[in-house]
Amino acid sequence: MKKQKRPVGKALMGLTLLFFYLPILFMIVFSFNDSKSLTSFSGFSIMWYERMFQNRDMMESLYTTIVIAVLATAISTFVGTITAIGLSKSRRLVRRLILQLNDFPIMNPEIVTAIGLMLLFITLRIERGFVTMLLAHIAFCIPYVILSVMPRLRALDPNLADAAMDLGATPWQSLFQVLVPQLMPGIVSGALIAFTMSFDDFIISYFVTGGGVKNLSIMVYTMSKRVNPSINAMSTLVVLLITLVLVAINLESLLKARREKKK
């Protein structure tokens, strides 16, 4: 019975992967179409990439998206990691309360978070733009980093930092040379999730931005009302960028594992 079910399972897995990746492949193919048609491929051309690079608004939105995603990822990863380490040393009641509060933004509908942040910035009379978008992205990225680091912390010996300080390490040395290397898989996972969430966000960004500052998702939304194949070219570049990042991370982990085996 199990052998008969395996081909069915593999077929379902193949159909699932096809369902996920066929639209991406379709988009990549039509980014090289030499006409405006999004349904009929009439010939190979790179003119939509040329027009994309010539479009100042698209380049500015891509630059804004990358800068905000990188800054939000770096800041939220640092803050989330330090917070998780602090929570591991806190009392159980305090830790439970903070973790429940940490889960609330994740479970909360994104539109509610967006409206809340917008009203906050308006109340504080903070001009909406690049800074408010960055602050909003940091705010919703931190909970994901904490959730990624906490399971790794629970798996560590709680006396690891104390043992390092007993052997002569300073608190900062025990943090960055003992704890952080052990937490690195959780930190990297949290950083990747934070980068993806920031890069992909539309609803919160749409409500907290202003002054003509647009990220890529807002730009695509404004362009979706009219046929513009440059969107396919832009999306293809984003897919290529994310693929290169994932390949680099996986190669780095494989090379690190091989070096450890040789030792």
C-alpha atoms as a PDB file:
ATOM      1  CA  MET A   1       0.000   0.000   0.000  1.00  0.00           C
ATOM      2  CA  LYS A   2       2.793   2.397   0.861  1.00  0.00           C
ATOM      3  CA  LYS A   3       4.575   1.756  -2.445  1.00  0.00           C
ATOM      4  CA  GLN A   4       1.351   2.459  -4.350  1.00  0.00           C
ATOM      5  CA  LYS A   5       0.864   5.760  -2.523  1.00  0.00           C
ATOM      6  CA  ARG A   6       4.357   7.061  -3.251  1.00  0.00           C
ATOM      7  CA  PRO A   7       3.800   7.798  -6.995  1.00  0.00           C
ATOM      8  CA  VAL A   8       0.567   9.594  -6.117  1.00  0.00           C
ATOM      9  CA  GLY A   9       2.363  11.666  -3.486  1.00  0.00           C
ATOM     10  CA  LYS A  10       5.151  12.545  -5.898  1.00  0.00           C
ATOM     11  CA  ALA A  11       2.618  13.528  -8.553  1.00  0.00           C
ATOM     12  CA  LEU A  12       0.782  15.777  -6.103  1.00  0.00           C
ATOM     13  CA  MET A  13       4.084  17.329  -5.036  1.00  0.00           C
ATOM     14  CA  GLY A  14       4.985  17.944  -8.669  1.00  0.00           C
ATOM     15  CA  LEU A  15       1.611  19.566  -9.378  1.00  0.00           C
ATOM     16  CA  THR A  16       1.984  21.738  -6.286  1.00  0.00           C
ATOM     17  CA  LEU A  17       5.442  22.929  -7.351  1.00  0.00           C
ATOM     18  CA  LEU A  18       4.134  23.536 -10.867  1.00  0.00           C
ATOM     19  CA  PHE A  19       1.270  25.598  -9.468  1.00  0.00           C
ATOM     20  CA  PHE A  20       3.712  27.706  -7.430  1.00  0.00           C
ATOM     21  CA  TYR A  21       6.437  28.231 -10.025  1.00  0.00           C
ATOM     22  CA  LEU A  22       4.592  28.268 -13.345  1.00  0.00           C
ATOM     23  CA  PRO A  23       3.345  31.873 -12.858  1.00  0.00           C
ATOM     24  CA  ILE A  24       6.914  32.984 -12.102  1.00  0.00           C
ATOM     25  CA  LEU A  25       8.209  31.217 -15.210  1.00  0.00           C
ATOM     26  CA  PHE A  26       5.368  32.749 -17.232  1.00  0.00           C
ATOM     27  CA  MET A  27       6.309  36.208 -15.969  1.00  0.00           C
ATOM     28  CA  ILE A  28      10.007  35.722 -16.793  1.00  0.00           C
ATOM     29  CA  VAL A  29       9.236  34.561 -20.341  1.00  0.00           C
ATOM     30  CA  PHE A  30       6.929  37.501 -21.083  1.00  0.00           C
ATOM     31  CA  SER A  31       9.459  39.978 -19.693  1.00  0.00           C
ATOM     32  CA  PHE A  32      11.353  39.287 -22.940  1.00  0.00           C
ATOM     33  CA  ASN A  33       8.320  39.734 -25.197  1.00  0.00           C
ATOM     34  CA  ASP A  34       8.705  42.327 -27.964  1.00  0.00           C
ATOM     35  CA  SER A  35       5.084  43.470 -27.716  1.00  0.00           C
ATOM     36  CA  LYS A  36       2.799  44.793 -24.996  1.00  0.00           C
ATOM     37  CA  SER A  37       0.754  41.610 -24.991  1.00  0.00           C
ATOM     38  CA  LEU A  38       0.760  39.687 -21.728  1.00  0.00           C
ATOM     39  CA  THR A  39      -0.813  36.584 -23.253  1.00  0.00           C
ATOM     40  CA  SER A  40       0.820  36.150 -26.663  1.00  0.00           C
ATOM     41  CA  PHE A  41       4.583  35.816 -27.097  1.00  0.00           C
ATOM     42  CA  SER A  42       5.485  37.396 -30.443  1.00  0.00           C
ATOM     43  CA  GLY A  43       9.276  37.499 -30.251  1.00  0.00           C
ATOM     44  CA  PHE A  44      12.357  37.904 -28.082  1.00  0.00           C
ATOM     45  CA  SER A  45      13.374  41.392 -26.988  1.00  0.00           C
ATOM     46  CA  ILE A  46      14.986  43.174 -24.019  1.00  0.00           C
ATOM     47  CA  MET A  47      13.284  46.502 -24.670  1.00  0.00           C
ATOM     48  CA  TRP A  48      11.194  46.265 -21.483  1.00  0.00           C
ATOM     49  CA  TYR A  49      14.396  46.015 -19.438  1.00  0.00           C
ATOM     50  CA  GLU A  50      15.756  49.060 -21.255  1.00  0.00           C
ATOM     51  CA  ARG A  51      12.556  50.994 -20.571  1.00  0.00           C
ATOM     52  CA  MET A  52      12.625  49.881 -16.957  1.00  0.00           C
ATOM     53  CA  PHE A  53      16.137  51.269 -16.452  1.00  0.00           C
ATOM     54  CA  GLN A  54      15.109  54.461 -18.226  1.00  0.00           C
ATOM     55  CA  ASN A  55      12.053  54.875 -15.988  1.00  0.00           C
ATOM     56  CA  ARG A  56      13.185  57.100 -13.130  1.00  0.00           C
ATOM     57  CA  ASP A  57      10.189  56.320 -10.909  1.00  0.00           C
ATOM     58  CA  MET A  58      10.767  52.575 -11.136  1.00  0.00           C
ATOM     59  CA  MET A  59      14.464  52.900 -10.348  1.00  0.00           C
ATOM     60  CA  GLU A  60      13.746  55.153  -7.377  1.00  0.00           C
ATOM     61  CA  SER A  61      11.121  52.731  -6.057  1.00  0.00           C
ATOM     62  CA  LEU A  62      13.539  49.807  -6.404  1.00  0.00           C
ATOM     63  CA  TYR A  63      16.272  51.779  -4.624  1.00  0.00           C
ATOM     64  CA  THR A  64      13.869  52.758  -1.835  1.00  0.00           C
ATOM     65  CA  THR A  65      12.695  49.164  -1.455  1.00  0.00           C
ATOM     66  CA  ILE A  66      16.212  47.742  -1.199  1.00  0.00           C
ATOM     67  CA  VAL A  67      17.483  50.440   1.190  1.00  0.00           C
ATOM     68  CA  ILE A  68      14.479  50.151   3.525  1.00  0.00           C
ATOM     69  CA  ALA A  69      14.563  46.340   3.438  1.00  0.00           C
ATOM     70  CA  VAL A  70      18.291  46.229   4.254  1.00  0.00           C
ATOM     71  CA  LEU A  71      18.067  48.842   7.034  1.00  0.00           C
ATOM     72  CA  ALA A  72      14.907  47.329   8.534  1.00  0.00           C
ATOM     73  CA  THR A  73      16.457  43.853   8.431  1.00  0.00           C
ATOM     74  CA  ALA A  74      19.709  44.954  10.085  1.00  0.00           C
ATOM     75  CA  ILE A  75      18.027  46.986  12.837  1.00  0.00           C
ATOM     76  CA  SER A  76      15.216  44.519  13.544  1.00  0.00           C
ATOM     77  CA  THR A  77      17.647  41.582  13.599  1.00  0.00           C
ATOM     78  CA  PHE A  78      19.887  43.325  16.142  1.00  0.00           C
ATOM     79  CA  VAL A  79      16.999  44.510  18.329  1.00  0.00           C
ATOM     80  CA  GLY A  80      15.122  41.202  18.059  1.00  0.00           C
ATOM     81  CA  THR A  81      18.202  39.130  18.927  1.00  0.00           C
ATOM     82  CA  ILE A  82      19.098  41.264  21.946  1.00  0.00           C
ATOM     83  CA  THR A  83      15.459  41.191  23.083  1.00  0.00           C
ATOM     84  CA  ALA A  84      15.282  37.413  22.762  1.00  0.00           C
ATOM     85  CA  ILE A  85      18.477  37.001  24.801  1.00  0.00           C
ATOM     86  CA  GLY A  86      17.101  39.364  27.434  1.00  0.00           C
ATOM     87  CA  LEU A  87      13.820  37.456  27.587  1.00  0.00           C
ATOM     88  CA  SER A  88      15.687  34.188  28.117  1.00  0.00           C
ATOM     89  CA  LYS A  89      17.151  35.687  31.300  1.00  0.00           C
ATOM     90  CA  SER A  90      13.843  37.171  32.490  1.00  0.00           C
ATOM     91  CA  ARG A  91      11.283  35.716  34.854  1.00  0.00           C
ATOM     92  CA  ARG A  92       8.826  33.220  33.417  1.00  0.00           C
ATOM     93  CA  LEU A  93       5.813  35.507  33.930  1.00  0.00           C
ATOM     94  CA  VAL A  94       7.528  38.450  32.251  1.00  0.00           C
ATOM     95  CA  ARG A  95       8.719  36.245  29.392  1.00  0.00           C
ATOM     96  CA  ARG A  96       5.238  34.855  28.749  1.00  0.00           C
ATOM     97  CA  LEU A  97       3.694  38.320  28.801  1.00  0.00           C
ATOM     98  CA  ILE A  98       6.241  39.795  26.387  1.00  0.00           C
ATOM     99  CA  LEU A  99       6.006  36.828  24.017  1.00  0.00           C
ATOM    100  CA  GLN A 100       2.211  37.132  23.942  1.00  0.00           C
ATOM    101  CA  LEU A 101       2.554  40.824  23.148  1.00  0.00           C
ATOM    102  CA  ASN A 102       5.126  39.887  20.508  1.00  0.00           C
ATOM    103  CA  ASP A 103       2.652  37.491  18.854  1.00  0.00           C
ATOM    104  CA  PHE A 104      -0.081  40.136  18.701  1.00  0.00           C
ATOM    105  CA  PRO A 105       1.318  42.128  15.719  1.00  0.00           C
ATOM    106  CA  ILE A 106       1.761  38.891  13.760  1.00  0.00           C
ATOM    107  CA  MET A 107      -1.801  37.698  14.419  1.00  0.00           C
ATOM    108  CA  ASN A 108      -3.268  41.183  13.988  1.00  0.00           C
ATOM    109  CA  PRO A 109      -4.693  41.946  10.504  1.00  0.00           C
ATOM    110  CA  GLU A 110      -2.161  43.970   8.543  1.00  0.00           C
ATOM    111  CA  ILE A 111      -4.699  46.647   7.657  1.00  0.00           C
ATOM    112  CA  VAL A 112      -5.310  47.314  11.366  1.00  0.00           C
ATOM    113  CA  THR A 113      -1.576  47.657  12.003  1.00  0.00           C
ATOM    114  CA  ALA A 114      -1.277  49.997   9.019  1.00  0.00           C
ATOM    115  CA  ILE A 115      -4.096  52.274  10.191  1.00  0.00           C
ATOM    116  CA  GLY A 116      -2.730  52.275  13.757  1.00  0.00           C
ATOM    117  CA  LEU A 117       0.747  53.303  12.614  1.00  0.00           C
ATOM    118  CA  MET A 118      -0.679  55.977  10.320  1.00  0.00           C
ATOM    119  CA  LEU A 119      -2.744  57.480  13.172  1.00  0.00           C
ATOM    120  CA  LEU A 120       0.307  57.335  15.455  1.00  0.00           C
ATOM    121  CA  PHE A 121       2.453  59.290  13.024  1.00  0.00           C
ATOM    122  CA  ILE A 122      -0.337  61.805  12.423  1.00  0.00           C
ATOM    123  CA  THR A 123      -0.873  62.269  16.172  1.00  0.00           C
ATOM    124  CA  LEU A 124       2.845  62.787  16.776  1.00  0.00           C
ATOM    125  CA  ARG A 125       2.920  65.150  13.779  1.00  0.00           C
ATOM    126  CA  ILE A 126       5.661  63.193  12.087  1.00  0.00           C
ATOM    127  CA  GLU A 127       5.800  63.924   8.384  1.00  0.00           C
ATOM    128  CA  ARG A 128       5.144  60.715   6.521  1.00  0.00           C
ATOM    129  CA  GLY A 129       7.822  59.594   4.119  1.00  0.00           C
ATOM    130  CA  PHE A 130      11.009  57.548   4.116  1.00  0.00           C
ATOM    131  CA  VAL A 131      11.561  57.678   7.892  1.00  0.00           C
ATOM    132  CA  THR A 132       8.011  56.647   8.806  1.00  0.00           C
ATOM    133  CA  MET A 133       8.121  53.769   6.332  1.00  0.00           C
ATOM    134  CA  LEU A 134      11.422  52.597   7.790  1.00  0.00           C
ATOM    135  CA  LEU A 135      10.102  52.795  11.364  1.00  0.00           C
ATOM    136  CA  ALA A 136       6.965  50.884  10.389  1.00  0.00           C
ATOM    137  CA  HIS A 137       8.991  48.130   8.709  1.00  0.00           C
ATOM    138  CA  ILE A 138      11.265  47.799  11.741  1.00  0.00           C
ATOM    139  CA  ALA A 139       8.209  47.554  13.998  1.00  0.00           C
ATOM    140  CA  PHE A 140       6.600  44.636  12.157  1.00  0.00           C
ATOM    141  CA  CYS A 141       9.896  42.827  11.446  1.00  0.00           C
ATOM    142  CA  ILE A 142      11.106  42.598  15.058  1.00  0.00           C
ATOM    143  CA  PRO A 143       8.462  40.033  16.176  1.00  0.00           C
ATOM    144  CA  TYR A 144       9.519  37.622  13.413  1.00  0.00           C
ATOM    145  CA  VAL A 145      13.164  37.834  14.482  1.00  0.00           C
ATOM    146  CA  ILE A 146      12.262  37.156  18.123  1.00  0.00           C
ATOM    147  CA  LEU A 147      10.185  34.129  17.118  1.00  0.00           C
ATOM    148  CA  SER A 148      13.092  32.768  15.070  1.00  0.00           C
ATOM    149  CA  VAL A 149      15.746  33.253  17.752  1.00  0.00           C
ATOM    150  CA  MET A 150      13.778  32.070  20.813  1.00  0.00           C
ATOM    151  CA  PRO A 151      13.620  28.336  19.875  1.00  0.00           C
ATOM    152  CA  ARG A 152      17.375  28.333  19.329  1.00  0.00           C
ATOM    153  CA  LEU A 153      17.882  29.966  22.728  1.00  0.00           C
ATOM    154  CA  ARG A 154      15.743  27.320  24.437  1.00  0.00           C
ATOM    155  CA  ALA A 155      17.966  24.602  22.962  1.00  0.00           C
ATOM    156  CA  LEU A 156      21.146  26.142  24.452  1.00  0.00           C
ATOM    157  CA  ASP A 157      22.559  25.544  27.910  1.00  0.00           C
ATOM    158  CA  PRO A 158      21.300  28.491  30.017  1.00  0.00           C
ATOM    159  CA  ASN A 159      24.641  28.585  31.841  1.00  0.00           C
ATOM    160  CA  LEU A 160      26.704  28.972  28.652  1.00  0.00           C
ATOM    161  CA  ALA A 161      27.288  32.724  29.035  1.00  0.00           C
ATOM    162  CA  ASP A 162      28.060  32.396  32.747  1.00  0.00           C
ATOM    163  CA  ALA A 163      30.589  29.661  32.013  1.00  0.00           C
ATOM    164  CA  ALA A 164      32.311  31.876  29.464  1.00  0.00           C
ATOM    165  CA  MET A 165      32.562  34.742  31.967  1.00  0.00           C
ATOM    166  CA  ASP A 166      33.914  32.359  34.610  1.00  0.00           C
ATOM    167  CA  LEU A 167      36.698  31.528  32.154  1.00  0.00           C
ATOM    168  CA  GLY A 168      37.625  35.200  31.832  1.00  0.00           C
ATOM    169  CA  ALA A 169      35.396  36.509  29.061  1.00  0.00           C
ATOM    170  CA  THR A 170      33.768  39.900  29.418  1.00  0.00           C
ATOM    171  CA  PRO A 171      29.959  40.183  29.100  1.00  0.00           C
ATOM    172  CA  TRP A 172      30.342  41.531  25.554  1.00  0.00           C
ATOM    173  CA  GLN A 173      32.762  38.739  24.614  1.00  0.00           C
ATOM    174  CA  SER A 174      30.427  36.089  25.990  1.00  0.00           C
ATOM    175  CA  LEU A 175      27.595  37.665  24.013  1.00  0.00           C
ATOM    176  CA  PHE A 176      29.276  38.065  20.623  1.00  0.00           C
ATOM    177  CA  GLN A 177      31.816  35.230  20.746  1.00  0.00           C
ATOM    178  CA  VAL A 178      29.801  32.552  22.550  1.00  0.00           C
ATOM    179  CA  LEU A 179      26.053  33.170  22.349  1.00  0.00           C
ATOM    180  CA  VAL A 180      25.732  34.810  18.931  1.00  0.00           C
ATOM    181  CA  PRO A 181      27.643  32.056  17.016  1.00  0.00           C
ATOM    182  CA  GLN A 182      25.382  29.442  18.644  1.00  0.00           C
ATOM    183  CA  LEU A 183      22.291  31.476  17.714  1.00  0.00           C
ATOM    184  CA  MET A 184      23.420  32.187  14.150  1.00  0.00           C
ATOM    185  CA  PRO A 185      20.987  29.761  12.404  1.00  0.00           C
ATOM    186  CA  GLY A 186      18.040  31.390  14.176  1.00  0.00           C
ATOM    187  CA  ILE A 187      19.412  34.877  13.533  1.00  0.00           C
ATOM    188  CA  VAL A 188      19.872  34.180   9.814  1.00  0.00           C
ATOM    189  CA  SER A 189      16.361  32.714   9.562  1.00  0.00           C
ATOM    190  CA  GLY A 190      14.901  35.741  11.313  1.00  0.00           C
ATOM    191  CA  ALA A 191      16.854  38.116   9.090  1.00  0.00           C
ATOM    192  CA  LEU A 192      15.656  36.358   5.924  1.00  0.00           C
ATOM    193  CA  ILE A 193      12.042  36.491   7.097  1.00  0.00           C
ATOM    194  CA  ALA A 194      12.414  40.166   8.040  1.00  0.00           C
ATOM    195  CA  PHE A 195      13.961  41.011   4.660  1.00  0.00           C
ATOM    196  CA  THR A 196      11.214  39.159   2.802  1.00  0.00           C
ATOM    197  CA  MET A 197       8.435  40.794   4.833  1.00  0.00           C
ATOM    198  CA  SER A 198       9.918  44.263   4.338  1.00  0.00           C
ATOM    199  CA  PHE A 199      10.617  43.785   0.634  1.00  0.00           C
ATOM    200  CA  ASP A 200       7.132  42.432  -0.018  1.00  0.00           C
ATOM    201  CA  ASP A 201       5.031  44.733   2.170  1.00  0.00           C
ATOM    202  CA  PHE A 202       2.351  46.860   0.523  1.00  0.00           C
ATOM    203  CA  ILE A 203      -0.514  47.609   2.918  1.00  0.00           C
ATOM    204  CA  ILE A 204       1.501  49.094   5.782  1.00  0.00           C
ATOM    205  CA  SER A 205       3.832  50.917   3.391  1.00  0.00           C
ATOM    206  CA  TYR A 206       0.893  52.414   1.530  1.00  0.00           C
ATOM    207  CA  PHE A 207      -0.594  53.900   4.704  1.00  0.00           C
ATOM    208  CA  VAL A 208       2.587  55.245   6.313  1.00  0.00           C
ATOM    209  CA  THR A 209       4.326  56.747   3.295  1.00  0.00           C
ATOM    210  CA  GLY A 210       4.032  60.212   1.855  1.00  0.00           C
ATOM    211  CA  GLY A 211       5.959  62.932   0.073  1.00  0.00           C
ATOM    212  CA  GLY A 212       6.198  60.887  -3.111  1.00  0.00           C
ATOM    213  CA  VAL A 213       8.185  58.080  -1.435  1.00  0.00           C
ATOM    214  CA  LYS A 214       7.185  54.744  -2.975  1.00  0.00           C
ATOM    215  CA  ASN A 215       8.518  51.258  -2.603  1.00  0.00           C
ATOM    216  CA  LEU A 216       8.283  48.600  -5.282  1.00  0.00           C
ATOM    217  CA  SER A 217       4.933  47.185  -4.188  1.00  0.00           C
ATOM    218  CA  ILE A 218       3.280  50.618  -4.292  1.00  0.00           C
ATOM    219  CA  MET A 219       4.813  51.290  -7.718  1.00  0.00           C
ATOM    220  CA  VAL A 220       3.504  47.973  -9.078  1.00  0.00           C
ATOM    221  CA  TYR A 221       0.055  48.767  -7.653  1.00  0.00           C
ATOM    222  CA  THR A 222      -0.036  52.115  -9.448  1.00  0.00           C
ATOM    223  CA  MET A 223       1.154  50.516 -12.696  1.00  0.00           C
ATOM    224  CA  SER A 224      -1.277  47.586 -12.560  1.00  0.00           C
ATOM    225  CA  LYS A 225      -4.149  49.809 -13.697  1.00  0.00           C
ATOM    226  CA  ARG A 226      -2.609  50.001 -17.159  1.00  0.00           C
ATOM    227  CA  VAL A 227      -0.764  47.380 -19.210  1.00  0.00           C
ATOM    228  CA  ASN A 228       2.969  47.835 -18.747  1.00  0.00           C
ATOM    229  CA  PRO A 229       5.249  44.825 -19.364  1.00  0.00           C
ATOM    230  CA  SER A 230       8.043  46.667 -17.560  1.00  0.00           C
ATOM    231  CA  ILE A 231       6.470  45.212 -14.419  1.00  0.00           C
ATOM    232  CA  ASN A 232       7.516  41.759 -15.658  1.00  0.00           C
ATOM    233  CA  ALA A 233      11.099  42.956 -16.159  1.00  0.00           C
ATOM    234  CA  MET A 234      11.207  44.493 -12.687  1.00  0.00           C
ATOM    235  CA  SER A 235       9.733  41.381 -11.067  1.00  0.00           C
ATOM    236  CA  THR A 236      12.209  39.163 -12.920  1.00  0.00           C
ATOM    237  CA  LEU A 237      15.113  41.157 -11.521  1.00  0.00           C
ATOM    238  CA  VAL A 238      13.667  40.826  -8.014  1.00  0.00           C
ATOM    239  CA  VAL A 239      13.330  37.042  -8.419  1.00  0.00           C
ATOM    240  CA  LEU A 240      16.932  36.888  -9.683  1.00  0.00           C
ATOM    241  CA  LEU A 241      18.169  38.948  -6.722  1.00  0.00           C
ATOM    242  CA  ILE A 242      16.392  36.769  -4.162  1.00  0.00           C
ATOM    243  CA  THR A 243      17.625  33.596  -5.880  1.00  0.00           C
ATOM    244  CA  LEU A 244      21.235  34.803  -5.786  1.00  0.00           C
ATOM    245  CA  VAL A 245      20.935  35.666  -2.091  1.00  0.00           C
ATOM    246  CA  LEU A 246      19.509  32.236  -1.233  1.00  0.00           C
ATOM    247  CA  VAL A 247      22.163  30.450  -3.294  1.00  0.00           C
ATOM    248  CA  ALA A 248      24.922  32.457  -1.583  1.00  0.00           C
ATOM    249  CA  ILE A 249      23.564  31.647   1.891  1.00  0.00           C
ATOM    250  CA  ASN A 250      23.249  27.931   1.108  1.00  0.00           C
ATOM    251  CA  LEU A 251      26.738  27.785  -0.401  1.00  0.00           C
ATOM    252  CA  GLU A 252      28.180  29.549   2.620  1.00  0.00           C
ATOM    253  CA  SER A 253      26.543  27.048   4.989  1.00  0.00           C
ATOM    254  CA  LEU A 254      27.782  24.099   2.897  1.00  0.00           C
ATOM    255  CA  LEU A 255      31.339  25.433   2.793  1.00  0.00           C
ATOM    256  CA  LYS A 256      31.245  26.049   6.542  1.00  0.00           C
ATOM    257  CA  ALA A 257      30.060  22.482   7.182  1.00  0.00           C
ATOM    258  CA  ARG A 258      32.869  21.095   5.018  1.00  0.00           C
ATOM    259  CA  ARG A 259      35.471  23.176   6.856  1.00  0.00           C
ATOM    260  CA  GLU A 260      34.193  21.882  10.203  1.00  0.00           C
ATOM    261  CA  LYS A 261      34.381  18.265   8.964  1.00  0.00           C
ATOM    262  CA  LYS A 262      38.011  18.748   7.874  1.00  0.00           C
ATOM    263  CA  LYS A 263      38.891  19.998  11.339  1.00  0.00           C
END
